[in-house]
Amino acid sequence: MSINRYARRIDANQTQVIEALRAAGALVLVLSQPLDLLVGINGKLALFEVKDGAKVKSAQKLKPAQEKFLAEWAGYPACVVDGPEAALRHLRVLQA
């Protein structure tokens, strides 16, 4: 049995999001759980969940565990982004 059978699927645009964030000077750690990325810049951290903006909205829904996590951690910096542009907008907010 191959371990790849159980490999976590990543959104098609996650690599572009990571590249854009790093090009803007952010540190990015791929977490996978509970959200996709831990992003740091200028001493500040935030969690990012990447969704594929090319998919229909129903395919971009958060998993129940992600919804629960975001509800429990309400008030802490976390966001859902659908592409590099959205990620960079959230990064600018984090820098402010």
PDB file of N, CA and C in Angstrom:
ATOM      1  N   MET A   1       0.852  -1.173   0.000  1.00  0.00           N
ATOM      2  CA  MET A   1       0.000   0.000   0.000  1.00  0.00           C
ATOM      3  C   MET A   1       0.898   1.237   0.000  1.00  0.00           C
ATOM      4  N   SER A   2       0.607   2.171  -0.867  1.00  0.00           N
ATOM      5  CA  SER A   2       1.413   3.381  -1.007  1.00  0.00           C
ATOM      6  C   SER A   2       0.940   4.458  -0.042  1.00  0.00           C
ATOM      7  N   ILE A   3       1.884   5.145   0.567  1.00  0.00           N
ATOM      8  CA  ILE A   3       1.527   6.258   1.452  1.00  0.00           C
ATOM      9  C   ILE A   3       0.899   7.403   0.660  1.00  0.00           C
ATOM     10  N   ASN A   4       1.239   7.523  -0.623  1.00  0.00           N
ATOM     11  CA  ASN A   4       0.684   8.587  -1.450  1.00  0.00           C
ATOM     12  C   ASN A   4      -0.821   8.484  -1.570  1.00  0.00           C
ATOM     13  N   ARG A   5      -1.337   7.299  -1.349  1.00  0.00           N
ATOM     14  CA  ARG A   5      -2.787   7.122  -1.407  1.00  0.00           C
ATOM     15  C   ARG A   5      -3.482   8.022  -0.387  1.00  0.00           C
ATOM     16  N   TYR A   6      -2.784   8.303   0.702  1.00  0.00           N
ATOM     17  CA  TYR A   6      -3.347   9.108   1.776  1.00  0.00           C
ATOM     18  C   TYR A   6      -2.788  10.525   1.819  1.00  0.00           C
ATOM     19  N   ALA A   7      -2.028  10.896   0.811  1.00  0.00           N
ATOM     20  CA  ALA A   7      -1.450  12.240   0.791  1.00  0.00           C
ATOM     21  C   ALA A   7      -2.555  13.286   0.750  1.00  0.00           C
ATOM     22  N   ARG A   8      -2.363  14.344   1.494  1.00  0.00           N
ATOM     23  CA  ARG A   8      -3.327  15.424   1.560  1.00  0.00           C
ATOM     24  C   ARG A   8      -3.335  16.184   0.256  1.00  0.00           C
ATOM     25  N   ARG A   9      -4.531  16.461  -0.235  1.00  0.00           N
ATOM     26  CA  ARG A   9      -4.650  17.255  -1.461  1.00  0.00           C
ATOM     27  C   ARG A   9      -4.484  18.732  -1.120  1.00  0.00           C
ATOM     28  N   ILE A  10      -3.696  19.416  -1.923  1.00  0.00           N
ATOM     29  CA  ILE A  10      -3.562  20.856  -1.727  1.00  0.00           C
ATOM     30  C   ILE A  10      -4.285  21.557  -2.870  1.00  0.00           C
ATOM     31  N   ASP A  11      -4.744  22.757  -2.592  1.00  0.00           N
ATOM     32  CA  ASP A  11      -5.415  23.527  -3.639  1.00  0.00           C
ATOM     33  C   ASP A  11      -4.421  23.877  -4.729  1.00  0.00           C
ATOM     34  N   ALA A  12      -4.902  23.912  -5.953  1.00  0.00           N
ATOM     35  CA  ALA A  12      -4.046  24.111  -7.119  1.00  0.00           C
ATOM     36  C   ALA A  12      -3.246  25.406  -7.051  1.00  0.00           C
ATOM     37  N   ASN A  13      -3.775  26.409  -6.379  1.00  0.00           N
ATOM     38  CA  ASN A  13      -3.110  27.708  -6.341  1.00  0.00           C
ATOM     39  C   ASN A  13      -2.251  27.927  -5.094  1.00  0.00           C
ATOM     40  N   GLN A  14      -2.115  26.919  -4.242  1.00  0.00           N
ATOM     41  CA  GLN A  14      -1.363  27.115  -3.003  1.00  0.00           C
ATOM     42  C   GLN A  14       0.087  27.489  -3.276  1.00  0.00           C
ATOM     43  N   THR A  15       0.702  26.874  -4.270  1.00  0.00           N
ATOM     44  CA  THR A  15       2.099  27.196  -4.587  1.00  0.00           C
ATOM     45  C   THR A  15       2.229  28.655  -5.000  1.00  0.00           C
ATOM     46  N   GLN A  16       1.310  29.166  -5.819  1.00  0.00           N
ATOM     47  CA  GLN A  16       1.360  30.573  -6.233  1.00  0.00           C
ATOM     48  C   GLN A  16       1.166  31.502  -5.041  1.00  0.00           C
ATOM     49  N   VAL A  17       0.280  31.120  -4.117  1.00  0.00           N
ATOM     50  CA  VAL A  17       0.055  31.930  -2.915  1.00  0.00           C
ATOM     51  C   VAL A  17       1.337  31.989  -2.090  1.00  0.00           C
ATOM     52  N   ILE A  18       1.969  30.847  -1.889  1.00  0.00           N
ATOM     53  CA  ILE A  18       3.212  30.802  -1.109  1.00  0.00           C
ATOM     54  C   ILE A  18       4.295  31.639  -1.780  1.00  0.00           C
ATOM     55  N   GLU A  19       4.449  31.496  -3.083  1.00  0.00           N
ATOM     56  CA  GLU A  19       5.471  32.264  -3.805  1.00  0.00           C
ATOM     57  C   GLU A  19       5.225  33.766  -3.692  1.00  0.00           C
ATOM     58  N   ALA A  20       3.976  34.192  -3.809  1.00  0.00           N
ATOM     59  CA  ALA A  20       3.647  35.620  -3.713  1.00  0.00           C
ATOM     60  C   ALA A  20       3.959  36.155  -2.316  1.00  0.00           C
ATOM     61  N   LEU A  21       3.588  35.393  -1.290  1.00  0.00           N
ATOM     62  CA  LEU A  21       3.851  35.823   0.083  1.00  0.00           C
ATOM     63  C   LEU A  21       5.349  35.921   0.352  1.00  0.00           C
ATOM     64  N   ARG A  22       6.092  34.931  -0.098  1.00  0.00           N
ATOM     65  CA  ARG A  22       7.550  34.953   0.112  1.00  0.00           C
ATOM     66  C   ARG A  22       8.204  36.084  -0.665  1.00  0.00           C
ATOM     67  N   ALA A  23       7.732  36.345  -1.880  1.00  0.00           N
ATOM     68  CA  ALA A  23       8.280  37.448  -2.677  1.00  0.00           C
ATOM     69  C   ALA A  23       8.027  38.790  -2.001  1.00  0.00           C
ATOM     70  N   ALA A  24       6.963  38.873  -1.214  1.00  0.00           N
ATOM     71  CA  ALA A  24       6.637  40.103  -0.490  1.00  0.00           C
ATOM     72  C   ALA A  24       7.388  40.200   0.837  1.00  0.00           C
ATOM     73  N   GLY A  25       8.225  39.206   1.140  1.00  0.00           N
ATOM     74  CA  GLY A  25       9.042  39.266   2.346  1.00  0.00           C
ATOM     75  C   GLY A  25       8.528  38.462   3.523  1.00  0.00           C
ATOM     76  N   ALA A  26       7.464  37.709   3.339  1.00  0.00           N
ATOM     77  CA  ALA A  26       6.889  36.939   4.438  1.00  0.00           C
ATOM     78  C   ALA A  26       7.594  35.586   4.584  1.00  0.00           C
ATOM     79  N   LEU A  27       7.601  35.094   5.805  1.00  0.00           N
ATOM     80  CA  LEU A  27       7.999  33.721   6.069  1.00  0.00           C
ATOM     81  C   LEU A  27       6.740  32.870   5.983  1.00  0.00           C
ATOM     82  N   VAL A  28       6.831  31.705   5.359  1.00  0.00           N
ATOM     83  CA  VAL A  28       5.655  30.857   5.182  1.00  0.00           C
ATOM     84  C   VAL A  28       6.002  29.430   5.578  1.00  0.00           C
ATOM     85  N   LEU A  29       5.202  28.866   6.466  1.00  0.00           N
ATOM     86  CA  LEU A  29       5.340  27.482   6.879  1.00  0.00           C
ATOM     87  C   LEU A  29       4.071  26.741   6.482  1.00  0.00           C
ATOM     88  N   VAL A  30       4.200  25.666   5.735  1.00  0.00           N
ATOM     89  CA  VAL A  30       3.043  24.861   5.342  1.00  0.00           C
ATOM     90  C   VAL A  30       2.674  23.962   6.517  1.00  0.00           C
ATOM     91  N   LEU A  31       1.433  24.125   6.997  1.00  0.00           N
ATOM     92  CA  LEU A  31       0.958  23.374   8.155  1.00  0.00           C
ATOM     93  C   LEU A  31       0.048  22.209   7.782  1.00  0.00           C
ATOM     94  N   SER A  32      -0.864  22.445   6.898  1.00  0.00           N
ATOM     95  CA  SER A  32      -1.893  21.490   6.493  1.00  0.00           C
ATOM     96  C   SER A  32      -3.058  21.422   7.467  1.00  0.00           C
ATOM     97  N   GLN A  33      -2.796  21.345   8.755  1.00  0.00           N
ATOM     98  CA  GLN A  33      -3.865  21.265   9.743  1.00  0.00           C
ATOM     99  C   GLN A  33      -3.599  22.247  10.860  1.00  0.00           C
ATOM    100  N   PRO A  34      -4.481  22.953  11.413  1.00  0.00           N
ATOM    101  CA  PRO A  34      -5.891  22.996  11.050  1.00  0.00           C
ATOM    102  C   PRO A  34      -6.143  23.832   9.788  1.00  0.00           C
ATOM    103  N   LEU A  35      -5.237  24.780   9.520  1.00  0.00           N
ATOM    104  CA  LEU A  35      -5.312  25.573   8.294  1.00  0.00           C
ATOM    105  C   LEU A  35      -4.026  25.333   7.507  1.00  0.00           C
ATOM    106  N   ASP A  36      -3.959  25.880   6.295  1.00  0.00           N
ATOM    107  CA  ASP A  36      -2.871  25.533   5.382  1.00  0.00           C
ATOM    108  C   ASP A  36      -1.518  26.145   5.721  1.00  0.00           C
ATOM    109  N   LEU A  37      -1.490  27.430   6.076  1.00  0.00           N
ATOM    110  CA  LEU A  37      -0.214  28.144   6.173  1.00  0.00           C
ATOM    111  C   LEU A  37      -0.110  28.958   7.453  1.00  0.00           C
ATOM    112  N   LEU A  38       1.097  29.011   7.991  1.00  0.00           N
ATOM    113  CA  LEU A  38       1.448  29.963   9.037  1.00  0.00           C
ATOM    114  C   LEU A  38       2.322  31.002   8.358  1.00  0.00           C
ATOM    115  N   VAL A  39       1.893  32.267   8.417  1.00  0.00           N
ATOM    116  CA  VAL A  39       2.574  33.345   7.705  1.00  0.00           C
ATOM    117  C   VAL A  39       3.072  34.358   8.727  1.00  0.00           C
ATOM    118  N   GLY A  40       4.336  34.743   8.589  1.00  0.00           N
ATOM    119  CA  GLY A  40       4.913  35.723   9.490  1.00  0.00           C
ATOM    120  C   GLY A  40       5.583  36.848   8.735  1.00  0.00           C
ATOM    121  N   ILE A  41       5.436  38.056   9.279  1.00  0.00           N
ATOM    122  CA  ILE A  41       6.134  39.212   8.725  1.00  0.00           C
ATOM    123  C   ILE A  41       6.244  40.277   9.817  1.00  0.00           C
ATOM    124  N   ASN A  42       7.405  40.864   9.932  1.00  0.00           N
ATOM    125  CA  ASN A  42       7.655  41.944  10.905  1.00  0.00           C
ATOM    126  C   ASN A  42       7.211  41.580  12.318  1.00  0.00           C
ATOM    127  N   GLY A  43       7.474  40.350  12.735  1.00  0.00           N
ATOM    128  CA  GLY A  43       7.146  39.932  14.091  1.00  0.00           C
ATOM    129  C   GLY A  43       5.693  39.588  14.330  1.00  0.00           C
ATOM    130  N   LYS A  44       4.888  39.557  13.286  1.00  0.00           N
ATOM    131  CA  LYS A  44       3.468  39.215  13.420  1.00  0.00           C
ATOM    132  C   LYS A  44       3.188  37.917  12.678  1.00  0.00           C
ATOM    133  N   LEU A  45       2.230  37.146  13.209  1.00  0.00           N
ATOM    134  CA  LEU A  45       1.864  35.860  12.625  1.00  0.00           C
ATOM    135  C   LEU A  45       0.371  35.811  12.311  1.00  0.00           C
ATOM    136  N   ALA A  46       0.019  35.024  11.294  1.00  0.00           N
ATOM    137  CA  ALA A  46      -1.384  34.762  10.974  1.00  0.00           C
ATOM    138  C   ALA A  46      -1.482  33.403  10.309  1.00  0.00           C
ATOM    139  N   LEU A  47      -2.634  32.787  10.454  1.00  0.00           N
ATOM    140  CA  LEU A  47      -2.929  31.533   9.772  1.00  0.00           C
ATOM    141  C   LEU A  47      -3.711  31.844   8.507  1.00  0.00           C
ATOM    142  N   PHE A  48      -3.354  31.188   7.414  1.00  0.00           N
ATOM    143  CA  PHE A  48      -4.046  31.371   6.134  1.00  0.00           C
ATOM    144  C   PHE A  48      -4.607  30.022   5.685  1.00  0.00           C
ATOM    145  N   GLU A  49      -5.842  30.006   5.268  1.00  0.00           N
ATOM    146  CA  GLU A  49      -6.438  28.837   4.618  1.00  0.00           C
ATOM    147  C   GLU A  49      -6.557  29.175   3.144  1.00  0.00           C
ATOM    148  N   VAL A  50      -5.981  28.350   2.289  1.00  0.00           N
ATOM    149  CA  VAL A  50      -5.991  28.596   0.853  1.00  0.00           C
ATOM    150  C   VAL A  50      -7.115  27.797   0.209  1.00  0.00           C
ATOM    151  N   LYS A  51      -7.947  28.475  -0.539  1.00  0.00           N
ATOM    152  CA  LYS A  51      -8.989  27.842  -1.346  1.00  0.00           C
ATOM    153  C   LYS A  51      -8.718  28.192  -2.798  1.00  0.00           C
ATOM    154  N   ASP A  52      -9.121  27.326  -3.694  1.00  0.00           N
ATOM    155  CA  ASP A  52      -8.896  27.531  -5.121  1.00  0.00           C
ATOM    156  C   ASP A  52     -10.000  28.423  -5.682  1.00  0.00           C
ATOM    157  N   GLY A  53      -9.656  29.672  -5.977  1.00  0.00           N
ATOM    158  CA  GLY A  53     -10.626  30.637  -6.489  1.00  0.00           C
ATOM    159  C   GLY A  53     -11.186  30.279  -7.848  1.00  0.00           C
ATOM    160  N   ALA A  54     -10.544  29.352  -8.552  1.00  0.00           N
ATOM    161  CA  ALA A  54     -11.043  28.929  -9.866  1.00  0.00           C
ATOM    162  C   ALA A  54     -12.199  27.939  -9.743  1.00  0.00           C
ATOM    163  N   LYS A  55     -12.371  27.368  -8.567  1.00  0.00           N
ATOM    164  CA  LYS A  55     -13.457  26.405  -8.358  1.00  0.00           C
ATOM    165  C   LYS A  55     -14.753  27.127  -8.020  1.00  0.00           C
ATOM    166  N   VAL A  56     -15.858  26.443  -8.210  1.00  0.00           N
ATOM    167  CA  VAL A  56     -17.158  27.013  -7.829  1.00  0.00           C
ATOM    168  C   VAL A  56     -17.174  27.217  -6.318  1.00  0.00           C
ATOM    169  N   LYS A  57     -17.974  28.168  -5.861  1.00  0.00           N
ATOM    170  CA  LYS A  57     -18.001  28.517  -4.430  1.00  0.00           C
ATOM    171  C   LYS A  57     -18.290  27.308  -3.544  1.00  0.00           C
ATOM    172  N   SER A  58     -19.166  26.411  -4.001  1.00  0.00           N
ATOM    173  CA  SER A  58     -19.504  25.252  -3.175  1.00  0.00           C
ATOM    174  C   SER A  58     -18.295  24.340  -2.959  1.00  0.00           C
ATOM    175  N   ALA A  59     -17.339  24.357  -3.874  1.00  0.00           N
ATOM    176  CA  ALA A  59     -16.131  23.545  -3.742  1.00  0.00           C
ATOM    177  C   ALA A  59     -15.062  24.245  -2.902  1.00  0.00           C
ATOM    178  N   GLN A  60     -15.314  25.488  -2.512  1.00  0.00           N
ATOM    179  CA  GLN A  60     -14.360  26.263  -1.712  1.00  0.00           C
ATOM    180  C   GLN A  60     -14.744  26.305  -0.234  1.00  0.00           C
ATOM    181  N   LYS A  61     -15.752  25.534   0.135  1.00  0.00           N
ATOM    182  CA  LYS A  61     -16.236  25.567   1.516  1.00  0.00           C
ATOM    183  C   LYS A  61     -15.190  25.045   2.488  1.00  0.00           C
ATOM    184  N   LEU A  62     -15.237  25.589   3.682  1.00  0.00           N
ATOM    185  CA  LEU A  62     -14.374  25.099   4.747  1.00  0.00           C
ATOM    186  C   LEU A  62     -14.881  23.750   5.232  1.00  0.00           C
ATOM    187  N   LYS A  63     -13.954  22.915   5.676  1.00  0.00           N
ATOM    188  CA  LYS A  63     -14.333  21.646   6.290  1.00  0.00           C
ATOM    189  C   LYS A  63     -14.879  21.948   7.679  1.00  0.00           C
ATOM    190  N   PRO A  64     -15.733  21.082   8.210  1.00  0.00           N
ATOM    191  CA  PRO A  64     -16.282  21.328   9.556  1.00  0.00           C
ATOM    192  C   PRO A  64     -15.212  21.569  10.618  1.00  0.00           C
ATOM    193  N   ALA A  65     -14.115  20.835  10.562  1.00  0.00           N
ATOM    194  CA  ALA A  65     -13.043  21.034  11.551  1.00  0.00           C
ATOM    195  C   ALA A  65     -12.420  22.423  11.414  1.00  0.00           C
ATOM    196  N   GLN A  66     -12.325  22.933  10.189  1.00  0.00           N
ATOM    197  CA  GLN A  66     -11.780  24.269   9.973  1.00  0.00           C
ATOM    198  C   GLN A  66     -12.749  25.325  10.495  1.00  0.00           C
ATOM    199  N   GLU A  67     -14.040  25.136  10.240  1.00  0.00           N
ATOM    200  CA  GLU A  67     -15.040  26.072  10.765  1.00  0.00           C
ATOM    201  C   GLU A  67     -14.991  26.113  12.287  1.00  0.00           C
ATOM    202  N   LYS A  68     -14.890  24.935  12.907  1.00  0.00           N
ATOM    203  CA  LYS A  68     -14.822  24.858  14.367  1.00  0.00           C
ATOM    204  C   LYS A  68     -13.575  25.564  14.884  1.00  0.00           C
ATOM    205  N   PHE A  69     -12.432  25.324  14.243  1.00  0.00           N
ATOM    206  CA  PHE A  69     -11.190  25.962  14.652  1.00  0.00           C
ATOM    207  C   PHE A  69     -11.311  27.482  14.579  1.00  0.00           C
ATOM    208  N   LEU A  70     -11.811  27.995  13.456  1.00  0.00           N
ATOM    209  CA  LEU A  70     -11.934  29.448  13.300  1.00  0.00           C
ATOM    210  C   LEU A  70     -12.907  30.045  14.315  1.00  0.00           C
ATOM    211  N   ALA A  71     -13.960  29.321  14.638  1.00  0.00           N
ATOM    212  CA  ALA A  71     -14.909  29.814  15.647  1.00  0.00           C
ATOM    213  C   ALA A  71     -14.263  29.845  17.030  1.00  0.00           C
ATOM    214  N   GLU A  72     -13.531  28.797  17.371  1.00  0.00           N
ATOM    215  CA  GLU A  72     -12.887  28.729  18.685  1.00  0.00           C
ATOM    216  C   GLU A  72     -11.764  29.754  18.828  1.00  0.00           C
ATOM    217  N   TRP A  73     -11.109  30.087  17.714  1.00  0.00           N
ATOM    218  CA  TRP A  73      -9.986  31.014  17.731  1.00  0.00           C
ATOM    219  C   TRP A  73     -10.395  32.387  17.193  1.00  0.00           C
ATOM    220  N   ALA A  74     -11.659  32.693  17.256  1.00  0.00           N
ATOM    221  CA  ALA A  74     -12.148  33.990  16.788  1.00  0.00           C
ATOM    222  C   ALA A  74     -11.387  35.103  17.509  1.00  0.00           C
ATOM    223  N   GLY A  75     -11.006  36.128  16.761  1.00  0.00           N
ATOM    224  CA  GLY A  75     -10.253  37.237  17.331  1.00  0.00           C
ATOM    225  C   GLY A  75      -8.756  37.124  17.098  1.00  0.00           C
ATOM    226  N   TYR A  76      -8.292  35.931  16.758  1.00  0.00           N
ATOM    227  CA  TYR A  76      -6.884  35.746  16.416  1.00  0.00           C
ATOM    228  C   TYR A  76      -6.731  35.896  14.904  1.00  0.00           C
ATOM    229  N   PRO A  77      -5.556  36.311  14.437  1.00  0.00           N
ATOM    230  CA  PRO A  77      -5.387  36.550  13.007  1.00  0.00           C
ATOM    231  C   PRO A  77      -5.409  35.259  12.180  1.00  0.00           C
ATOM    232  N   ALA A  78      -6.487  35.104  11.432  1.00  0.00           N
ATOM    233  CA  ALA A  78      -6.647  33.971  10.516  1.00  0.00           C
ATOM    234  C   ALA A  78      -7.520  34.440   9.368  1.00  0.00           C
ATOM    235  N   CYS A  79      -7.270  33.911   8.181  1.00  0.00           N
ATOM    236  CA  CYS A  79      -8.056  34.331   7.032  1.00  0.00           C
ATOM    237  C   CYS A  79      -8.146  33.211   6.012  1.00  0.00           C
ATOM    238  N   VAL A  80      -9.106  33.340   5.124  1.00  0.00           N
ATOM    239  CA  VAL A  80      -9.283  32.422   4.004  1.00  0.00           C
ATOM    240  C   VAL A  80      -9.001  33.226   2.745  1.00  0.00           C
ATOM    241  N   VAL A  81      -8.079  32.724   1.916  1.00  0.00           N
ATOM    242  CA  VAL A  81      -7.713  33.429   0.686  1.00  0.00           C
ATOM    243  C   VAL A  81      -7.980  32.529  -0.509  1.00  0.00           C
ATOM    244  N   ASP A  82      -8.333  33.155  -1.633  1.00  0.00           N
ATOM    245  CA  ASP A  82      -8.638  32.372  -2.829  1.00  0.00           C
ATOM    246  C   ASP A  82      -7.619  32.577  -3.951  1.00  0.00           C
ATOM    247  N   GLY A  83      -6.482  33.158  -3.620  1.00  0.00           N
ATOM    248  CA  GLY A  83      -5.442  33.351  -4.621  1.00  0.00           C
ATOM    249  C   GLY A  83      -4.358  34.280  -4.103  1.00  0.00           C
ATOM    250  N   PRO A  84      -3.313  34.489  -4.902  1.00  0.00           N
ATOM    251  CA  PRO A  84      -2.195  35.334  -4.481  1.00  0.00           C
ATOM    252  C   PRO A  84      -2.604  36.772  -4.157  1.00  0.00           C
ATOM    253  N   GLU A  85      -3.491  37.345  -4.937  1.00  0.00           N
ATOM    254  CA  GLU A  85      -3.890  38.739  -4.695  1.00  0.00           C
ATOM    255  C   GLU A  85      -4.559  38.885  -3.328  1.00  0.00           C
ATOM    256  N   ALA A  86      -5.451  37.972  -3.007  1.00  0.00           N
ATOM    257  CA  ALA A  86      -6.117  38.010  -1.703  1.00  0.00           C
ATOM    258  C   ALA A  86      -5.109  37.796  -0.583  1.00  0.00           C
ATOM    259  N   ALA A  87      -4.159  36.906  -0.786  1.00  0.00           N
ATOM    260  CA  ALA A  87      -3.134  36.655   0.232  1.00  0.00           C
ATOM    261  C   ALA A  87      -2.304  37.906   0.488  1.00  0.00           C
ATOM    262  N   LEU A  88      -1.939  38.611  -0.577  1.00  0.00           N
ATOM    263  CA  LEU A  88      -1.150  39.837  -0.422  1.00  0.00           C
ATOM    264  C   LEU A  88      -1.956  40.937   0.261  1.00  0.00           C
ATOM    265  N   ARG A  89      -3.259  41.017  -0.012  1.00  0.00           N
ATOM    266  CA  ARG A  89      -4.108  41.994   0.692  1.00  0.00           C
ATOM    267  C   ARG A  89      -4.105  41.704   2.192  1.00  0.00           C
ATOM    268  N   HIS A  90      -4.253  40.442   2.560  1.00  0.00           N
ATOM    269  CA  HIS A  90      -4.254  40.073   3.974  1.00  0.00           C
ATOM    270  C   HIS A  90      -2.881  40.291   4.603  1.00  0.00           C
ATOM    271  N   LEU A  91      -1.830  40.077   3.845  1.00  0.00           N
ATOM    272  CA  LEU A  91      -0.486  40.330   4.350  1.00  0.00           C
ATOM    273  C   LEU A  91      -0.307  41.809   4.673  1.00  0.00           C
ATOM    274  N   ARG A  92      -0.816  42.692   3.801  1.00  0.00           N
ATOM    275  CA  ARG A  92      -0.724  44.147   4.064  1.00  0.00           C
ATOM    276  C   ARG A  92      -1.474  44.514   5.348  1.00  0.00           C
ATOM    277  N   VAL A  93      -2.617  43.880   5.583  1.00  0.00           N
ATOM    278  CA  VAL A  93      -3.367  44.129   6.825  1.00  0.00           C
ATOM    279  C   VAL A  93      -2.542  43.664   8.029  1.00  0.00           C
ATOM    280  N   LEU A  94      -1.893  42.530   7.893  1.00  0.00           N
ATOM    281  CA  LEU A  94      -1.067  42.007   8.983  1.00  0.00           C
ATOM    282  C   LEU A  94       0.102  42.938   9.279  1.00  0.00           C
ATOM    283  N   GLN A  95       0.642  43.572   8.258  1.00  0.00           N
ATOM    284  CA  GLN A  95       1.774  44.482   8.427  1.00  0.00           C
ATOM    285  C   GLN A  95       1.364  45.785   9.080  1.00  0.00           C
ATOM    286  N   ALA A  96       0.115  46.180   8.979  1.00  0.00           N
ATOM    287  CA  ALA A  96      -0.336  47.489   9.494  1.00  0.00           C
ATOM    288  C   ALA A  96      -0.286  47.560  10.998  1.00  0.00           C
TER     289      ALA A  96
END
